[in-house]
């Protein structure tokens, strides 16, 4: 599935990934290939991405790795939309 992570400053990442886990306002949830369409508000927490991510050098400092090998981005709030295997995370 295709993931785009957009912040007010720039597009931090765009590319193919295996899964995305986000901190929804009703709890953390994961999206995989062929997930039903969804739009949700996000709260403070971690966006976790499974898959090989090639992050531009300018934005690499915003991302970390967790013990499971996922790429992690800390956010304070945002929204997520998934439709037709394309996930867009608008992160603050």
N, C-alpha and C. Protein backbone atom coordinates (compact mmCIF):
# COMPACT_ATOMS: atom_id res chain seq x y z
N UNK A 1 0.84 -1.17 0.00
CA UNK A 1 0.00 0.00 0.00
C UNK A 1 0.88 1.24 0.00
N UNK A 2 0.33 2.33 -0.44
CA UNK A 2 1.09 3.57 -0.60
C UNK A 2 0.82 4.49 0.60
N UNK A 3 1.88 5.06 1.16
CA UNK A 3 1.76 5.94 2.32
C UNK A 3 2.36 7.30 2.00
N UNK A 4 1.65 8.35 2.42
CA UNK A 4 2.15 9.70 2.34
C UNK A 4 2.02 10.31 3.73
N UNK A 5 3.11 10.84 4.27
CA UNK A 5 3.08 11.53 5.56
C UNK A 5 3.39 12.99 5.28
N UNK A 6 2.42 13.85 5.60
CA UNK A 6 2.53 15.27 5.28
C UNK A 6 2.47 16.08 6.58
N UNK A 7 3.41 17.01 6.74
CA UNK A 7 3.40 17.92 7.88
C UNK A 7 3.16 19.32 7.34
N UNK A 8 2.94 20.31 8.21
CA UNK A 8 2.76 21.67 7.71
C UNK A 8 3.96 22.19 6.91
N UNK A 9 5.15 21.65 7.20
CA UNK A 9 6.36 22.12 6.52
C UNK A 9 6.58 21.46 5.17
N UNK A 10 6.30 20.15 5.08
CA UNK A 10 6.66 19.42 3.86
C UNK A 10 6.07 18.02 3.87
N UNK A 11 6.22 17.33 2.75
CA UNK A 11 5.90 15.91 2.69
C UNK A 11 7.11 15.17 3.24
N UNK A 12 6.93 14.52 4.41
CA UNK A 12 8.04 13.86 5.09
C UNK A 12 8.40 12.53 4.46
N UNK A 13 7.39 11.83 3.92
CA UNK A 13 7.64 10.53 3.30
C UNK A 13 6.53 10.22 2.32
N UNK A 14 6.88 9.56 1.24
CA UNK A 14 5.88 8.97 0.35
C UNK A 14 6.51 7.74 -0.29
N UNK A 15 5.75 6.64 -0.26
CA UNK A 15 6.26 5.40 -0.83
C UNK A 15 5.45 4.20 -0.38
N UNK A 16 5.84 3.03 -0.86
CA UNK A 16 5.15 1.78 -0.56
C UNK A 16 5.57 1.26 0.81
N UNK A 17 4.60 0.77 1.60
CA UNK A 17 4.86 0.19 2.91
C UNK A 17 3.99 -1.05 3.09
N UNK A 18 4.25 -1.81 4.17
CA UNK A 18 3.47 -3.01 4.46
C UNK A 18 2.27 -2.69 5.34
N UNK A 19 2.50 -1.89 6.40
CA UNK A 19 1.40 -1.53 7.30
C UNK A 19 1.69 -0.20 7.97
N UNK A 20 0.61 0.44 8.47
CA UNK A 20 0.71 1.71 9.18
C UNK A 20 -0.16 1.60 10.43
N UNK A 21 0.42 1.95 11.58
CA UNK A 21 -0.32 1.99 12.84
C UNK A 21 -0.35 3.43 13.32
N UNK A 22 -1.53 3.91 13.67
CA UNK A 22 -1.69 5.31 14.06
C UNK A 22 -2.42 5.43 15.40
N UNK A 23 -2.20 6.56 16.12
CA UNK A 23 -2.87 6.79 17.40
C UNK A 23 -4.22 7.49 17.20
N UNK A 24 -5.25 6.73 16.89
CA UNK A 24 -6.59 7.30 16.70
C UNK A 24 -7.15 7.85 18.00
N UNK A 25 -8.15 8.71 17.90
CA UNK A 25 -8.72 9.30 19.11
C UNK A 25 -9.45 8.27 19.97
N UNK A 26 -9.83 7.14 19.38
CA UNK A 26 -10.47 6.06 20.15
C UNK A 26 -9.52 4.89 20.38
N UNK A 27 -8.23 5.13 20.18
CA UNK A 27 -7.23 4.09 20.39
C UNK A 27 -6.40 3.83 19.15
N UNK A 28 -5.30 3.16 19.36
CA UNK A 28 -4.38 2.85 18.27
C UNK A 28 -5.00 1.82 17.33
N UNK A 29 -4.80 2.00 16.02
CA UNK A 29 -5.26 1.00 15.07
C UNK A 29 -4.29 0.87 13.92
N UNK A 30 -4.33 -0.30 13.28
CA UNK A 30 -3.42 -0.62 12.20
C UNK A 30 -4.17 -0.77 10.89
N UNK A 31 -3.54 -0.33 9.80
CA UNK A 31 -4.10 -0.48 8.47
C UNK A 31 -3.16 -1.33 7.62
N UNK A 32 -3.72 -2.29 6.94
CA UNK A 32 -2.98 -3.18 6.05
C UNK A 32 -3.54 -3.05 4.64
N UNK A 33 -2.89 -3.72 3.70
CA UNK A 33 -3.35 -3.76 2.30
C UNK A 33 -4.83 -4.15 2.25
N UNK A 34 -5.61 -3.49 1.42
CA UNK A 34 -7.04 -3.76 1.19
C UNK A 34 -7.92 -3.48 2.40
N UNK A 35 -7.47 -2.61 3.30
CA UNK A 35 -8.27 -2.18 4.46
C UNK A 35 -9.46 -1.37 3.93
N UNK A 36 -10.56 -1.44 4.66
CA UNK A 36 -11.75 -0.65 4.28
C UNK A 36 -11.41 0.84 4.35
N UNK A 37 -12.03 1.67 3.51
CA UNK A 37 -11.79 3.12 3.58
C UNK A 37 -12.09 3.67 4.97
N UNK A 38 -11.27 4.62 5.39
CA UNK A 38 -11.44 5.20 6.73
C UNK A 38 -10.90 6.63 6.75
N UNK A 39 -11.53 7.46 7.57
CA UNK A 39 -11.02 8.79 7.90
C UNK A 39 -11.10 8.90 9.41
N UNK A 40 -10.01 9.35 10.05
CA UNK A 40 -10.00 9.44 11.51
C UNK A 40 -9.14 10.59 11.97
N UNK A 41 -9.52 11.17 13.11
CA UNK A 41 -8.67 12.13 13.78
C UNK A 41 -7.60 11.38 14.55
N UNK A 42 -6.43 12.00 14.69
CA UNK A 42 -5.33 11.39 15.43
C UNK A 42 -5.01 12.22 16.65
N UNK A 43 -4.57 11.53 17.70
CA UNK A 43 -4.16 12.23 18.91
C UNK A 43 -2.64 12.09 19.07
N UNK A 44 -2.12 12.68 20.12
CA UNK A 44 -0.69 12.60 20.38
C UNK A 44 -0.26 11.15 20.51
N UNK A 45 0.83 10.81 19.87
CA UNK A 45 1.31 9.44 19.92
C UNK A 45 2.30 9.15 18.80
N UNK A 46 2.38 7.88 18.43
CA UNK A 46 3.36 7.43 17.45
C UNK A 46 2.69 6.84 16.22
N UNK A 47 3.14 7.28 15.06
CA UNK A 47 2.79 6.64 13.80
C UNK A 47 3.88 5.62 13.55
N UNK A 48 3.49 4.33 13.45
CA UNK A 48 4.46 3.25 13.26
C UNK A 48 4.27 2.66 11.87
N UNK A 49 5.37 2.54 11.15
CA UNK A 49 5.31 2.06 9.77
C UNK A 49 6.18 0.83 9.63
N UNK A 50 5.59 -0.23 9.06
CA UNK A 50 6.35 -1.45 8.78
C UNK A 50 6.64 -1.47 7.29
N UNK A 51 7.87 -1.73 6.96
CA UNK A 51 8.29 -1.76 5.56
C UNK A 51 9.55 -0.94 5.38
N UNK A 52 10.18 -1.07 4.25
CA UNK A 52 11.40 -0.32 3.97
C UNK A 52 11.04 1.10 3.57
N UNK A 53 11.54 2.05 4.33
CA UNK A 53 11.26 3.46 4.05
C UNK A 53 12.55 4.17 3.67
N UNK A 54 12.53 4.85 2.54
CA UNK A 54 13.66 5.66 2.11
C UNK A 54 13.30 7.11 2.39
N UNK A 55 13.80 7.62 3.51
CA UNK A 55 13.45 8.96 3.99
C UNK A 55 14.51 9.94 3.54
N UNK A 56 14.06 11.09 3.03
CA UNK A 56 15.00 12.13 2.61
C UNK A 56 15.85 12.57 3.80
N UNK A 57 17.09 12.88 3.53
CA UNK A 57 18.04 13.26 4.58
C UNK A 57 17.54 14.42 5.43
N UNK A 58 16.86 15.38 4.81
CA UNK A 58 16.36 16.56 5.53
C UNK A 58 15.37 16.19 6.63
N UNK A 59 14.66 15.06 6.49
CA UNK A 59 13.60 14.69 7.43
C UNK A 59 13.94 13.47 8.27
N UNK A 60 15.08 12.87 8.04
CA UNK A 60 15.45 11.63 8.74
C UNK A 60 15.49 11.80 10.26
N UNK A 61 15.82 12.99 10.74
CA UNK A 61 15.91 13.22 12.19
C UNK A 61 14.55 13.17 12.88
N UNK A 62 13.47 13.28 12.13
CA UNK A 62 12.12 13.24 12.71
C UNK A 62 11.67 11.81 13.00
N UNK A 63 12.34 10.83 12.41
CA UNK A 63 11.95 9.43 12.51
C UNK A 63 12.92 8.66 13.40
N UNK A 64 12.40 7.63 14.09
CA UNK A 64 13.22 6.72 14.88
C UNK A 64 12.81 5.29 14.54
N UNK A 65 13.52 4.32 15.10
CA UNK A 65 13.16 2.90 14.95
C UNK A 65 12.77 2.36 16.32
N UNK A 66 11.75 1.49 16.37
CA UNK A 66 11.40 0.85 17.64
C UNK A 66 12.05 -0.54 17.70
N UNK A 67 11.84 -1.25 18.82
CA UNK A 67 12.49 -2.55 19.01
C UNK A 67 12.01 -3.60 18.02
N UNK A 68 10.84 -3.37 17.39
CA UNK A 68 10.32 -4.32 16.40
C UNK A 68 10.81 -4.01 14.98
N UNK A 69 11.61 -2.96 14.83
CA UNK A 69 12.12 -2.59 13.51
C UNK A 69 11.20 -1.67 12.73
N UNK A 70 10.11 -1.22 13.36
CA UNK A 70 9.21 -0.27 12.70
C UNK A 70 9.82 1.12 12.69
N UNK A 71 9.51 1.89 11.67
CA UNK A 71 9.91 3.29 11.63
C UNK A 71 8.82 4.08 12.35
N UNK A 72 9.23 4.98 13.25
CA UNK A 72 8.28 5.67 14.13
C UNK A 72 8.41 7.19 13.95
N UNK A 73 7.24 7.85 13.90
CA UNK A 73 7.17 9.31 13.87
C UNK A 73 6.27 9.76 15.01
N UNK A 74 6.80 10.59 15.89
CA UNK A 74 6.00 11.15 17.00
C UNK A 74 5.17 12.31 16.45
N UNK A 75 3.86 12.31 16.78
CA UNK A 75 2.99 13.40 16.35
C UNK A 75 2.23 13.95 17.57
N UNK A 76 1.75 15.19 17.44
CA UNK A 76 0.94 15.76 18.52
C UNK A 76 -0.54 15.69 18.19
N UNK A 77 -0.87 15.66 16.90
CA UNK A 77 -2.25 15.50 16.44
C UNK A 77 -2.22 15.34 14.93
N UNK A 78 -3.41 15.15 14.35
CA UNK A 78 -3.47 15.03 12.90
C UNK A 78 -4.72 14.31 12.44
N UNK A 79 -4.71 13.92 11.18
CA UNK A 79 -5.79 13.14 10.59
C UNK A 79 -5.17 12.07 9.69
N UNK A 80 -5.95 11.02 9.45
CA UNK A 80 -5.52 9.98 8.54
C UNK A 80 -6.69 9.64 7.62
N UNK A 81 -6.36 9.40 6.36
CA UNK A 81 -7.38 8.96 5.40
C UNK A 81 -6.80 7.78 4.63
N UNK A 82 -7.60 6.74 4.48
CA UNK A 82 -7.21 5.57 3.69
C UNK A 82 -8.31 5.30 2.68
N UNK A 83 -7.91 5.22 1.43
CA UNK A 83 -8.85 4.92 0.35
C UNK A 83 -8.05 4.29 -0.78
N UNK A 84 -8.55 3.17 -1.31
CA UNK A 84 -7.92 2.49 -2.44
C UNK A 84 -6.43 2.20 -2.20
N UNK A 85 -6.11 1.68 -1.00
CA UNK A 85 -4.74 1.32 -0.64
C UNK A 85 -3.77 2.49 -0.64
N UNK A 86 -4.27 3.71 -0.46
CA UNK A 86 -3.43 4.89 -0.31
C UNK A 86 -3.76 5.54 1.03
N UNK A 87 -2.74 5.62 1.90
CA UNK A 87 -2.90 6.22 3.22
C UNK A 87 -2.25 7.60 3.20
N UNK A 88 -3.01 8.60 3.66
CA UNK A 88 -2.46 9.94 3.80
C UNK A 88 -2.55 10.32 5.27
N UNK A 89 -1.41 10.58 5.88
CA UNK A 89 -1.36 11.04 7.28
C UNK A 89 -0.99 12.52 7.25
N UNK A 90 -1.90 13.36 7.76
CA UNK A 90 -1.61 14.78 7.92
C UNK A 90 -1.24 14.96 9.38
N UNK A 91 0.04 15.20 9.65
CA UNK A 91 0.56 15.19 11.02
C UNK A 91 1.04 16.55 11.47
N UNK A 92 0.74 16.85 12.73
CA UNK A 92 1.26 18.07 13.37
C UNK A 92 2.36 17.68 14.33
